[in-house]
Each structure stands twice: as structure tokens, then as C-alpha cells.
């Protein structure tokens, strides 16, 4: 990682801390510069504005998700086990990095902001395609029912995932996300088994 990208990484870590402590409205360039211990003008050498910081944060998240979930998708595990592992990996990662959930689930963040909306949509599309492929593989392997269309199964799984993440955020991260989230997704996948 070169000097600039290292500094950008440090800035998004500080931005994440502010998101947890002060919410999306507290993530201002003034607060972020103070958190980093330098002037706003120094911050602008790395990012043009708050929007660029959030887009960089979301793009960083997408790269991380792609790397982790592709490793699972291309492993030798059974497809239904891969489905469980995908969600377990997500819950584990967000447990350690809750600021990403604050960013992704902040209502005011995506309104009227095309770049941020596109970044969040790109994450959603990647996850949807990968999980749909795993669902189809699990169907072909006879591990889950073929009686429910893949898009409907995807909706059930991602809807459960999002609701769990929303509940975790609304309780100020007040329960063990990895434990409760993994248990919920295991129940969902077991219900789909033949």
C-alpha cells in the first residue's frame, strides 16, 4: 500500500469511528480532520469532499466482500454449506467493523446522491449474483428445494440478513451478531432443504 492509499485507509478508519460515535450527520470534514489531527485542507489533499470519503469507504467494503465471498464460493464445500459460510463471514466481518453497517443502512446517505447509491447498489448486485449462483448449485446438488424460485429464495435470505443487521444497528450493536445472525441463517437454509 503506497503512502497515499495508506493515508486514505487511515481516513476511512477515522470516518468509521465517527459514524459509530456521531452517526452520518456527525461525519463532517471538520470533525474528520479533528479526528485525524490535521487541518481540513490537509484532508482535501486526499479526498475532494465527504461524498468521496463515503464512496471510498464503500468501495473498500466491496473489495473486501468480493475477496472473502469468492474464497468461499470457490472452495470445495457443499453448496448449502457455502451459503451458510457466506452469511457467517458477513456477520463476523461486520461484528468487527460496524461502521460499514452504519454507512450502508443510513437512510439520508443515499437520498439524492448518485455516486453513493451506485456504490451501495454495486455491493448488493455482487452479493445477489454470488448467492443466486450458490442457491442454484445447492438445487442442482439436491441439497435444497427446487419448488421455490431462486429469486424468491434470494429475497428470503437477503431479507433476513438485512433485518438482522438493521436490528443490530438499532440496538447499538447490543447483541452477538455472529452468533444470532449465523443461527438465523442456518434456520433459513435448513427450512429450504429437501
N, C-alpha and C. Protein backbone atom coordinates (compact mmCIF):
# COMPACT_ATOMS: atom_id res chain seq x y z
N UNK A 1 0.85 -1.18 0.00
CA UNK A 1 0.00 0.00 0.00
C UNK A 1 0.90 1.24 0.00
N UNK A 2 0.76 2.12 -0.98
CA UNK A 2 1.62 3.29 -1.02
C UNK A 2 1.18 4.32 0.02
N UNK A 3 1.95 5.44 0.12
CA UNK A 3 1.70 6.46 1.16
C UNK A 3 0.30 7.02 1.07
N UNK A 4 -0.14 7.38 -0.14
CA UNK A 4 -1.47 7.98 -0.30
C UNK A 4 -2.56 6.99 0.08
N UNK A 5 -2.48 5.78 -0.42
CA UNK A 5 -3.54 4.83 -0.11
C UNK A 5 -3.54 4.45 1.37
N UNK A 6 -2.35 4.43 2.00
CA UNK A 6 -2.28 4.18 3.44
C UNK A 6 -2.99 5.30 4.19
N UNK A 7 -2.75 6.55 3.79
CA UNK A 7 -3.40 7.70 4.45
C UNK A 7 -4.91 7.65 4.19
N UNK A 8 -5.31 7.29 2.98
CA UNK A 8 -6.74 7.19 2.69
C UNK A 8 -7.39 6.11 3.55
N UNK A 9 -6.69 5.01 3.73
CA UNK A 9 -7.19 3.94 4.60
C UNK A 9 -7.36 4.46 6.03
N UNK A 10 -6.37 5.20 6.53
CA UNK A 10 -6.46 5.78 7.88
C UNK A 10 -7.64 6.74 7.98
N UNK A 11 -7.89 7.49 6.92
CA UNK A 11 -9.01 8.44 6.93
C UNK A 11 -10.34 7.69 6.98
N UNK A 12 -10.49 6.61 6.21
CA UNK A 12 -11.78 5.90 6.27
C UNK A 12 -11.96 5.18 7.60
N UNK A 13 -10.85 4.78 8.24
CA UNK A 13 -10.97 4.19 9.58
C UNK A 13 -11.47 5.25 10.57
N UNK A 14 -10.94 6.46 10.47
CA UNK A 14 -11.40 7.56 11.32
C UNK A 14 -12.84 7.93 11.00
N UNK A 15 -13.18 7.89 9.71
CA UNK A 15 -14.57 8.16 9.30
C UNK A 15 -15.50 7.12 9.91
N UNK A 16 -15.06 5.87 9.92
CA UNK A 16 -15.84 4.79 10.53
C UNK A 16 -16.07 5.02 12.00
N UNK A 17 -15.03 5.48 12.69
CA UNK A 17 -15.15 5.78 14.13
C UNK A 17 -16.19 6.88 14.35
N UNK A 18 -16.15 7.92 13.52
CA UNK A 18 -17.13 8.99 13.64
C UNK A 18 -18.55 8.51 13.34
N UNK A 19 -18.69 7.62 12.36
CA UNK A 19 -20.01 7.08 12.04
C UNK A 19 -20.60 6.36 13.25
N UNK A 20 -19.77 5.60 13.96
CA UNK A 20 -20.24 4.87 15.15
C UNK A 20 -20.59 5.85 16.26
N UNK A 21 -19.74 6.83 16.49
CA UNK A 21 -19.92 7.73 17.63
C UNK A 21 -20.97 8.80 17.39
N UNK A 22 -21.03 9.34 16.15
CA UNK A 22 -21.87 10.52 15.90
C UNK A 22 -22.90 10.35 14.80
N UNK A 23 -22.89 9.17 14.14
CA UNK A 23 -23.85 8.96 13.06
C UNK A 23 -23.42 9.67 11.79
N UNK A 24 -24.26 9.55 10.77
CA UNK A 24 -23.91 10.09 9.46
C UNK A 24 -23.82 11.62 9.48
N UNK A 25 -24.64 12.28 10.31
CA UNK A 25 -24.59 13.74 10.38
C UNK A 25 -23.33 14.23 11.06
N UNK A 26 -22.74 13.40 11.91
CA UNK A 26 -21.50 13.76 12.58
C UNK A 26 -20.26 13.55 11.73
N UNK A 27 -20.44 12.89 10.60
CA UNK A 27 -19.31 12.68 9.70
C UNK A 27 -19.18 13.91 8.80
N UNK A 28 -18.47 14.90 9.31
CA UNK A 28 -18.20 16.13 8.55
C UNK A 28 -16.70 16.20 8.31
N UNK A 29 -16.30 16.98 7.32
CA UNK A 29 -14.87 17.13 7.07
C UNK A 29 -14.19 17.80 8.25
N UNK A 30 -14.89 18.70 8.92
CA UNK A 30 -14.32 19.38 10.10
C UNK A 30 -14.07 18.35 11.22
N UNK A 31 -15.07 17.53 11.52
CA UNK A 31 -14.91 16.51 12.57
C UNK A 31 -13.85 15.48 12.18
N UNK A 32 -13.83 15.12 10.91
CA UNK A 32 -12.88 14.11 10.45
C UNK A 32 -11.44 14.64 10.53
N UNK A 33 -11.24 15.89 10.13
CA UNK A 33 -9.90 16.50 10.23
C UNK A 33 -9.46 16.54 11.69
N UNK A 34 -10.38 16.91 12.59
CA UNK A 34 -10.04 16.95 14.02
C UNK A 34 -9.69 15.55 14.53
N UNK A 35 -10.44 14.54 14.10
CA UNK A 35 -10.18 13.15 14.50
C UNK A 35 -8.79 12.70 14.01
N UNK A 36 -8.43 13.13 12.82
CA UNK A 36 -7.14 12.75 12.24
C UNK A 36 -5.99 13.59 12.80
N UNK A 37 -6.32 14.74 13.40
CA UNK A 37 -5.28 15.61 13.96
C UNK A 37 -4.61 16.48 12.93
N UNK A 38 -5.33 16.80 11.84
CA UNK A 38 -4.78 17.76 10.90
C UNK A 38 -5.89 18.65 10.35
N UNK A 39 -5.52 19.62 9.51
CA UNK A 39 -6.47 20.61 9.03
C UNK A 39 -7.40 20.03 7.96
N UNK A 40 -8.51 20.74 7.75
CA UNK A 40 -9.42 20.32 6.67
C UNK A 40 -8.73 20.39 5.32
N UNK A 41 -7.86 21.38 5.13
CA UNK A 41 -7.17 21.49 3.84
C UNK A 41 -6.28 20.27 3.60
N UNK A 42 -5.68 19.73 4.66
CA UNK A 42 -4.87 18.51 4.51
C UNK A 42 -5.75 17.33 4.11
N UNK A 43 -6.97 17.29 4.65
CA UNK A 43 -7.93 16.24 4.30
C UNK A 43 -8.28 16.31 2.81
N UNK A 44 -8.42 17.53 2.30
CA UNK A 44 -8.79 17.72 0.90
C UNK A 44 -7.67 17.31 -0.07
N UNK A 45 -6.47 17.09 0.43
CA UNK A 45 -5.41 16.58 -0.45
C UNK A 45 -5.67 15.11 -0.80
N UNK A 46 -6.47 14.45 0.03
CA UNK A 46 -6.73 13.03 -0.18
C UNK A 46 -8.13 12.76 -0.76
N UNK A 47 -9.08 13.60 -0.40
CA UNK A 47 -10.47 13.45 -0.86
C UNK A 47 -11.04 14.83 -1.17
N UNK A 48 -11.85 14.90 -2.23
CA UNK A 48 -12.45 16.19 -2.60
C UNK A 48 -13.50 16.65 -1.60
N UNK A 49 -14.26 15.68 -1.06
CA UNK A 49 -15.36 16.05 -0.17
C UNK A 49 -15.83 14.83 0.62
N UNK A 50 -16.82 15.03 1.46
CA UNK A 50 -17.37 13.96 2.28
C UNK A 50 -17.91 12.82 1.42
N UNK A 51 -18.54 13.16 0.32
CA UNK A 51 -19.09 12.14 -0.58
C UNK A 51 -17.99 11.20 -1.07
N UNK A 52 -16.85 11.75 -1.45
CA UNK A 52 -15.74 10.92 -1.93
C UNK A 52 -15.21 10.00 -0.83
N UNK A 53 -15.22 10.47 0.40
CA UNK A 53 -14.78 9.65 1.52
C UNK A 53 -15.72 8.46 1.69
N UNK A 54 -17.02 8.72 1.62
CA UNK A 54 -18.01 7.65 1.80
C UNK A 54 -17.93 6.66 0.63
N UNK A 55 -17.78 7.17 -0.59
CA UNK A 55 -17.66 6.28 -1.75
C UNK A 55 -16.40 5.42 -1.62
N UNK A 56 -15.30 6.00 -1.18
CA UNK A 56 -14.06 5.24 -0.98
C UNK A 56 -14.29 4.16 0.08
N UNK A 57 -14.95 4.51 1.16
CA UNK A 57 -15.27 3.55 2.23
C UNK A 57 -16.10 2.40 1.68
N UNK A 58 -17.12 2.71 0.89
CA UNK A 58 -17.99 1.68 0.32
C UNK A 58 -17.25 0.82 -0.71
N UNK A 59 -16.39 1.44 -1.50
CA UNK A 59 -15.60 0.68 -2.47
C UNK A 59 -14.62 -0.26 -1.77
N UNK A 60 -14.06 0.21 -0.67
CA UNK A 60 -13.18 -0.63 0.14
C UNK A 60 -13.97 -1.83 0.67
N UNK A 61 -15.18 -1.57 1.15
CA UNK A 61 -16.05 -2.64 1.64
C UNK A 61 -16.33 -3.64 0.53
N UNK A 62 -16.64 -3.15 -0.66
CA UNK A 62 -16.96 -4.05 -1.78
C UNK A 62 -15.78 -4.96 -2.11
N UNK A 63 -14.58 -4.40 -2.15
CA UNK A 63 -13.40 -5.22 -2.44
C UNK A 63 -13.22 -6.31 -1.39
N UNK A 64 -13.45 -5.93 -0.13
CA UNK A 64 -13.32 -6.89 0.96
C UNK A 64 -14.35 -8.01 0.82
N UNK A 65 -15.60 -7.63 0.55
CA UNK A 65 -16.68 -8.61 0.39
C UNK A 65 -16.37 -9.55 -0.77
N UNK A 66 -15.95 -8.99 -1.89
CA UNK A 66 -15.65 -9.82 -3.06
C UNK A 66 -14.56 -10.83 -2.74
N UNK A 67 -13.50 -10.39 -2.09
CA UNK A 67 -12.40 -11.30 -1.77
C UNK A 67 -12.87 -12.42 -0.84
N UNK A 68 -13.55 -12.05 0.25
CA UNK A 68 -13.98 -13.06 1.22
C UNK A 68 -14.98 -14.03 0.64
N UNK A 69 -16.00 -13.51 -0.06
CA UNK A 69 -17.07 -14.37 -0.53
C UNK A 69 -16.64 -15.22 -1.73
N UNK A 70 -15.75 -14.69 -2.57
CA UNK A 70 -15.24 -15.51 -3.68
C UNK A 70 -14.42 -16.69 -3.16
N UNK A 71 -13.66 -16.47 -2.09
CA UNK A 71 -12.91 -17.59 -1.50
C UNK A 71 -13.87 -18.70 -1.07
N UNK A 72 -14.99 -18.31 -0.48
CA UNK A 72 -15.98 -19.30 -0.05
C UNK A 72 -16.62 -19.97 -1.27
N UNK A 73 -17.02 -19.15 -2.24
CA UNK A 73 -17.73 -19.67 -3.42
C UNK A 73 -16.89 -20.68 -4.20
N UNK A 74 -15.57 -20.49 -4.23
CA UNK A 74 -14.70 -21.38 -4.99
C UNK A 74 -14.06 -22.48 -4.14
N UNK A 75 -14.52 -22.60 -2.90
CA UNK A 75 -14.00 -23.67 -2.04
C UNK A 75 -14.63 -25.00 -2.43
N UNK A 76 -14.19 -26.08 -1.81
CA UNK A 76 -14.70 -27.40 -2.15
C UNK A 76 -15.89 -27.82 -1.27
N UNK A 77 -16.39 -26.90 -0.45
CA UNK A 77 -17.52 -27.23 0.44
C UNK A 77 -18.80 -27.48 -0.37
N UNK A 78 -19.76 -28.13 0.27
CA UNK A 78 -21.07 -28.35 -0.37
C UNK A 78 -21.74 -26.98 -0.57
N UNK A 79 -22.54 -26.83 -1.63
CA UNK A 79 -23.17 -25.53 -1.90
C UNK A 79 -24.00 -24.98 -0.73
N UNK A 80 -24.78 -25.84 -0.05
CA UNK A 80 -25.59 -25.34 1.06
C UNK A 80 -24.70 -24.88 2.22
N UNK A 81 -23.56 -25.56 2.40
CA UNK A 81 -22.60 -25.12 3.43
C UNK A 81 -21.96 -23.79 3.05
N UNK A 82 -21.71 -23.62 1.75
CA UNK A 82 -21.15 -22.34 1.27
C UNK A 82 -22.12 -21.19 1.56
N UNK A 83 -23.42 -21.45 1.37
CA UNK A 83 -24.41 -20.41 1.67
C UNK A 83 -24.31 -19.99 3.13
N UNK A 84 -24.25 -20.95 4.03
CA UNK A 84 -24.12 -20.63 5.45
C UNK A 84 -22.82 -19.88 5.72
N UNK A 85 -21.74 -20.33 5.08
CA UNK A 85 -20.43 -19.70 5.30
C UNK A 85 -20.40 -18.25 4.81
N UNK A 86 -21.09 -17.97 3.71
CA UNK A 86 -21.16 -16.60 3.19
C UNK A 86 -21.76 -15.67 4.24
N UNK A 87 -22.88 -16.07 4.81
CA UNK A 87 -23.53 -15.20 5.79
C UNK A 87 -22.73 -15.14 7.09
N UNK A 88 -22.14 -16.25 7.49
CA UNK A 88 -21.31 -16.26 8.70
C UNK A 88 -20.12 -15.31 8.52
N UNK A 89 -19.51 -15.33 7.35
CA UNK A 89 -18.39 -14.44 7.05
C UNK A 89 -18.83 -12.97 7.13
N UNK A 90 -20.00 -12.68 6.59
CA UNK A 90 -20.52 -11.32 6.65
C UNK A 90 -20.76 -10.88 8.10
N UNK A 91 -21.41 -11.73 8.87
CA UNK A 91 -21.69 -11.38 10.26
C UNK A 91 -20.40 -11.18 11.05
N UNK A 92 -19.41 -12.04 10.81
CA UNK A 92 -18.13 -11.92 11.51
C UNK A 92 -17.43 -10.61 11.14
N UNK A 93 -17.43 -10.29 9.85
CA UNK A 93 -16.75 -9.07 9.41
C UNK A 93 -17.44 -7.83 9.98
N UNK A 94 -18.75 -7.77 9.88
CA UNK A 94 -19.46 -6.59 10.37
C UNK A 94 -19.40 -6.47 11.89
N UNK A 95 -19.29 -7.59 12.59
CA UNK A 95 -19.11 -7.55 14.04
C UNK A 95 -17.84 -6.78 14.39
N UNK A 96 -16.81 -6.97 13.58
CA UNK A 96 -15.53 -6.29 13.81
C UNK A 96 -15.49 -4.88 13.19
N UNK A 97 -16.39 -4.60 12.25
CA UNK A 97 -16.37 -3.32 11.52
C UNK A 97 -17.78 -2.75 11.40
N UNK A 98 -18.41 -2.41 12.52
CA UNK A 98 -19.82 -1.97 12.48
C UNK A 98 -20.05 -0.67 11.73
N UNK A 99 -19.01 0.13 11.55
CA UNK A 99 -19.19 1.41 10.84
C UNK A 99 -19.67 1.21 9.40
N UNK A 100 -19.34 0.06 8.81
CA UNK A 100 -19.82 -0.17 7.44
C UNK A 100 -21.34 -0.32 7.42
N UNK A 101 -21.90 -0.92 8.46
CA UNK A 101 -23.36 -1.07 8.52
C UNK A 101 -24.01 0.28 8.72
N UNK A 102 -23.40 1.13 9.54
CA UNK A 102 -23.94 2.48 9.73
C UNK A 102 -23.99 3.19 8.39
N UNK A 103 -22.93 3.04 7.58
CA UNK A 103 -22.89 3.69 6.27
C UNK A 103 -23.93 3.11 5.32
N UNK A 104 -24.00 1.78 5.24
CA UNK A 104 -24.90 1.14 4.27
C UNK A 104 -26.37 1.32 4.64
N UNK A 105 -26.68 1.35 5.93
CA UNK A 105 -28.08 1.44 6.35
C UNK A 105 -28.54 2.84 6.73
N UNK A 106 -27.72 3.86 6.48
CA UNK A 106 -28.12 5.23 6.81
C UNK A 106 -29.07 5.76 5.75
N UNK A 107 -30.30 6.03 6.18
CA UNK A 107 -31.35 6.46 5.24
C UNK A 107 -30.98 7.72 4.46
N UNK A 108 -30.50 8.75 5.14
CA UNK A 108 -30.23 10.01 4.48
C UNK A 108 -29.02 9.98 3.56
N UNK A 109 -28.24 8.95 3.66
CA UNK A 109 -26.98 8.88 2.91
C UNK A 109 -27.20 8.70 1.42
N UNK A 110 -28.16 7.86 1.05
CA UNK A 110 -28.30 7.54 -0.37
C UNK A 110 -29.31 8.43 -1.10
N UNK A 111 -30.06 9.21 -0.34
CA UNK A 111 -31.04 10.08 -1.00
C UNK A 111 -30.31 11.17 -1.77
N UNK A 112 -30.67 11.34 -3.02
CA UNK A 112 -30.12 12.40 -3.87
C UNK A 112 -28.60 12.34 -4.02
N UNK A 113 -28.02 11.18 -3.92
CA UNK A 113 -26.58 11.08 -4.09
C UNK A 113 -26.26 9.89 -4.98
N UNK A 114 -26.07 10.17 -6.24
CA UNK A 114 -25.92 9.12 -7.24
C UNK A 114 -24.69 8.25 -7.01
N UNK A 115 -23.55 8.86 -6.70
CA UNK A 115 -22.31 8.09 -6.52
C UNK A 115 -22.45 7.10 -5.36
N UNK A 116 -22.99 7.56 -4.26
CA UNK A 116 -23.13 6.69 -3.09
C UNK A 116 -24.16 5.60 -3.37
N UNK A 117 -25.26 5.97 -4.00
CA UNK A 117 -26.28 4.98 -4.36
C UNK A 117 -25.69 3.91 -5.26
N UNK A 118 -24.88 4.32 -6.25
CA UNK A 118 -24.26 3.35 -7.16
C UNK A 118 -23.30 2.42 -6.43
N UNK A 119 -22.55 2.96 -5.47
CA UNK A 119 -21.62 2.13 -4.70
C UNK A 119 -22.36 1.07 -3.89
N UNK A 120 -23.43 1.49 -3.23
CA UNK A 120 -24.22 0.53 -2.44
C UNK A 120 -24.89 -0.49 -3.35
N UNK A 121 -25.41 -0.04 -4.49
CA UNK A 121 -26.06 -0.94 -5.44
C UNK A 121 -25.06 -1.97 -5.99
N UNK A 122 -23.83 -1.53 -6.23
CA UNK A 122 -22.80 -2.43 -6.74
C UNK A 122 -22.51 -3.56 -5.75
N UNK A 123 -22.46 -3.23 -4.46
CA UNK A 123 -22.27 -4.24 -3.42
C UNK A 123 -23.43 -5.22 -3.43
N UNK A 124 -24.65 -4.67 -3.49
CA UNK A 124 -25.85 -5.51 -3.50
C UNK A 124 -25.87 -6.44 -4.70
N UNK A 125 -25.53 -5.93 -5.88
CA UNK A 125 -25.54 -6.75 -7.09
C UNK A 125 -24.55 -7.90 -7.00
N UNK A 126 -23.34 -7.61 -6.52
CA UNK A 126 -22.34 -8.66 -6.39
C UNK A 126 -22.85 -9.77 -5.46
N UNK A 127 -23.32 -9.37 -4.28
CA UNK A 127 -23.80 -10.36 -3.32
C UNK A 127 -24.98 -11.14 -3.88
N UNK A 128 -25.89 -10.47 -4.55
CA UNK A 128 -27.07 -11.14 -5.10
C UNK A 128 -26.68 -12.18 -6.14
N UNK A 129 -25.76 -11.82 -7.03
CA UNK A 129 -25.34 -12.76 -8.08
C UNK A 129 -24.63 -13.97 -7.47
N UNK A 130 -23.72 -13.73 -6.53
CA UNK A 130 -22.97 -14.82 -5.94
C UNK A 130 -23.91 -15.76 -5.17
N UNK A 131 -24.79 -15.20 -4.38
CA UNK A 131 -25.71 -16.03 -3.58
C UNK A 131 -26.69 -16.77 -4.49
N UNK A 132 -27.15 -16.13 -5.55
CA UNK A 132 -28.04 -16.81 -6.51
C UNK A 132 -27.34 -18.02 -7.14
N UNK A 133 -26.06 -17.87 -7.48
CA UNK A 133 -25.30 -18.99 -8.05
C UNK A 133 -25.19 -20.14 -7.04
N UNK A 134 -24.95 -19.79 -5.77
CA UNK A 134 -24.85 -20.83 -4.74
C UNK A 134 -26.19 -21.52 -4.52
N UNK A 135 -27.27 -20.76 -4.59
CA UNK A 135 -28.61 -21.35 -4.47
C UNK A 135 -28.84 -22.35 -5.62
N UNK A 136 -28.51 -21.92 -6.83
CA UNK A 136 -28.68 -22.81 -7.99
C UNK A 136 -27.83 -24.07 -7.86
N UNK A 137 -26.59 -23.91 -7.38
CA UNK A 137 -25.73 -25.08 -7.18
C UNK A 137 -26.31 -26.02 -6.12
N UNK A 138 -26.85 -25.44 -5.05
CA UNK A 138 -27.45 -26.27 -3.98
C UNK A 138 -28.69 -26.99 -4.51
N UNK A 139 -29.44 -26.36 -5.39
CA UNK A 139 -30.60 -27.02 -6.01
C UNK A 139 -30.14 -28.19 -6.88
N UNK A 140 -29.13 -27.94 -7.72
CA UNK A 140 -28.63 -28.98 -8.62
C UNK A 140 -28.05 -30.16 -7.85
N UNK A 141 -27.49 -29.88 -6.68
CA UNK A 141 -26.90 -30.95 -5.86
C UNK A 141 -27.97 -31.67 -5.03
N UNK A 142 -29.22 -31.22 -5.14
CA UNK A 142 -30.31 -31.84 -4.39
C UNK A 142 -30.29 -31.51 -2.91
N UNK A 143 -29.62 -30.42 -2.55
CA UNK A 143 -29.49 -30.04 -1.14
C UNK A 143 -30.63 -29.16 -0.65
N UNK A 144 -31.21 -28.38 -1.55
CA UNK A 144 -32.35 -27.54 -1.16
C UNK A 144 -33.47 -27.72 -2.19
N UNK A 145 -34.64 -27.29 -1.80
CA UNK A 145 -35.82 -27.49 -2.64
C UNK A 145 -35.71 -26.79 -3.99
N UNK A 146 -36.28 -27.43 -4.99
CA UNK A 146 -36.39 -26.82 -6.31
C UNK A 146 -37.80 -26.25 -6.50
N UNK A 147 -38.63 -26.36 -5.48
CA UNK A 147 -40.02 -25.91 -5.56
C UNK A 147 -40.16 -24.39 -5.42
N UNK A 148 -39.10 -23.72 -4.95
CA UNK A 148 -39.14 -22.26 -4.78
C UNK A 148 -38.14 -21.65 -5.76
N UNK A 149 -38.57 -20.64 -6.50
CA UNK A 149 -37.70 -20.00 -7.47
C UNK A 149 -36.50 -19.36 -6.78
N UNK A 150 -35.36 -19.38 -7.45
CA UNK A 150 -34.12 -18.82 -6.90
C UNK A 150 -34.28 -17.36 -6.47
N UNK A 151 -34.91 -16.47 -7.27
CA UNK A 151 -35.06 -15.08 -6.80
C UNK A 151 -35.86 -14.97 -5.50
N UNK A 152 -36.83 -15.89 -5.31
CA UNK A 152 -37.61 -15.86 -4.06
C UNK A 152 -36.76 -16.31 -2.87
N UNK A 153 -35.93 -17.32 -3.08
CA UNK A 153 -35.02 -17.78 -2.01
C UNK A 153 -34.03 -16.66 -1.68
N UNK A 154 -33.51 -16.02 -2.72
CA UNK A 154 -32.58 -14.91 -2.52
C UNK A 154 -33.24 -13.82 -1.68
N UNK A 155 -34.48 -13.51 -2.01
CA UNK A 155 -35.22 -12.48 -1.27
C UNK A 155 -35.37 -12.86 0.21
N UNK A 156 -35.69 -14.11 0.46
CA UNK A 156 -35.85 -14.60 1.84
C UNK A 156 -34.52 -14.46 2.60
N UNK A 157 -33.43 -14.94 1.98
CA UNK A 157 -32.14 -14.92 2.66
C UNK A 157 -31.62 -13.51 2.88
N UNK A 158 -31.64 -12.69 1.82
CA UNK A 158 -31.13 -11.32 1.97
C UNK A 158 -32.05 -10.47 2.85
N UNK A 159 -33.35 -10.74 2.79
CA UNK A 159 -34.27 -10.02 3.67
C UNK A 159 -34.01 -10.33 5.14
N UNK A 160 -33.77 -11.59 5.44
CA UNK A 160 -33.45 -11.99 6.82
C UNK A 160 -32.13 -11.37 7.26
N UNK A 161 -31.15 -11.40 6.35
CA UNK A 161 -29.84 -10.81 6.66
C UNK A 161 -29.97 -9.32 6.96
N UNK A 162 -30.67 -8.60 6.09
CA UNK A 162 -30.80 -7.15 6.27
C UNK A 162 -31.57 -6.82 7.54
N UNK A 163 -32.62 -7.57 7.84
CA UNK A 163 -33.38 -7.32 9.06
C UNK A 163 -32.51 -7.55 10.29
N UNK A 164 -31.69 -8.59 10.28
CA UNK A 164 -30.79 -8.85 11.40
C UNK A 164 -29.80 -7.70 11.57
N UNK A 165 -29.26 -7.22 10.45
CA UNK A 165 -28.30 -6.11 10.51
C UNK A 165 -28.97 -4.84 11.02
N UNK A 166 -30.19 -4.59 10.57
CA UNK A 166 -30.93 -3.41 11.00
C UNK A 166 -31.21 -3.48 12.51
N UNK A 167 -31.62 -4.64 12.99
CA UNK A 167 -31.90 -4.81 14.41
C UNK A 167 -30.64 -4.61 15.24
N UNK A 168 -29.53 -5.12 14.75
CA UNK A 168 -28.25 -4.96 15.44
C UNK A 168 -27.86 -3.49 15.53
N UNK A 169 -28.03 -2.79 14.41
CA UNK A 169 -27.71 -1.35 14.39
C UNK A 169 -28.63 -0.58 15.34
N UNK A 170 -29.92 -0.88 15.31
CA UNK A 170 -30.88 -0.14 16.13
C UNK A 170 -30.71 -0.41 17.63
N UNK A 171 -30.11 -1.53 17.99
CA UNK A 171 -29.85 -1.82 19.40
C UNK A 171 -28.43 -1.37 19.79
N UNK A 172 -27.84 -0.50 18.98
CA UNK A 172 -26.47 -0.04 19.20
C UNK A 172 -25.51 -1.21 19.36
N UNK A 173 -25.68 -2.20 18.47
CA UNK A 173 -24.78 -3.35 18.42
C UNK A 173 -24.81 -4.12 19.74
N UNK A 174 -26.04 -4.24 20.30
CA UNK A 174 -26.20 -4.76 21.64
C UNK A 174 -26.35 -6.26 21.79
N UNK A 175 -26.06 -7.03 20.76
CA UNK A 175 -26.09 -8.48 20.91
C UNK A 175 -25.01 -9.08 20.02
N UNK A 176 -24.75 -10.37 20.22
CA UNK A 176 -23.71 -11.06 19.46
C UNK A 176 -24.22 -11.34 18.05
N UNK A 177 -23.82 -10.49 17.11
CA UNK A 177 -24.29 -10.58 15.74
C UNK A 177 -23.87 -11.89 15.08
N UNK A 178 -22.64 -12.29 15.29
CA UNK A 178 -22.14 -13.51 14.66
C UNK A 178 -22.96 -14.71 15.13
N UNK A 179 -23.20 -14.79 16.41
CA UNK A 179 -23.94 -15.93 16.97
C UNK A 179 -25.40 -15.94 16.52
N UNK A 180 -26.10 -14.82 16.73
CA UNK A 180 -27.53 -14.78 16.40
C UNK A 180 -27.77 -14.77 14.90
N UNK A 181 -26.94 -14.04 14.16
CA UNK A 181 -27.11 -13.99 12.71
C UNK A 181 -26.87 -15.34 12.05
N UNK A 182 -25.79 -16.00 12.47
CA UNK A 182 -25.47 -17.32 11.90
C UNK A 182 -26.57 -18.34 12.21
N UNK A 183 -27.09 -18.28 13.44
CA UNK A 183 -28.16 -19.21 13.82
C UNK A 183 -29.40 -18.98 12.96
N UNK A 184 -29.75 -17.71 12.72
CA UNK A 184 -30.92 -17.39 11.90
C UNK A 184 -30.75 -17.91 10.48
N UNK A 185 -29.59 -17.68 9.88
CA UNK A 185 -29.39 -18.09 8.50
C UNK A 185 -29.35 -19.62 8.40
N UNK A 186 -28.85 -20.28 9.42
CA UNK A 186 -28.85 -21.74 9.42
C UNK A 186 -30.29 -22.27 9.44
N UNK A 187 -31.15 -21.62 10.23
CA UNK A 187 -32.57 -22.00 10.26
C UNK A 187 -33.18 -21.81 8.87
N UNK A 188 -32.92 -20.65 8.26
CA UNK A 188 -33.47 -20.39 6.92
C UNK A 188 -33.04 -21.44 5.92
N UNK A 189 -31.76 -21.77 5.92
CA UNK A 189 -31.25 -22.74 4.95
C UNK A 189 -31.80 -24.14 5.25
N UNK A 190 -31.91 -24.48 6.53
CA UNK A 190 -32.49 -25.77 6.89
C UNK A 190 -33.94 -25.88 6.42
N UNK A 191 -34.68 -24.80 6.48
CA UNK A 191 -36.07 -24.81 6.01
C UNK A 191 -36.16 -25.06 4.50
N UNK A 192 -35.10 -24.68 3.79
CA UNK A 192 -35.09 -24.88 2.33
C UNK A 192 -34.62 -26.26 1.91
N UNK A 193 -34.09 -27.02 2.86
CA UNK A 193 -33.53 -28.33 2.50
C UNK A 193 -34.63 -29.29 2.12
N UNK A 194 -34.28 -30.23 1.24
CA UNK A 194 -35.24 -31.21 0.70
C UNK A 194 -35.77 -32.11 1.81
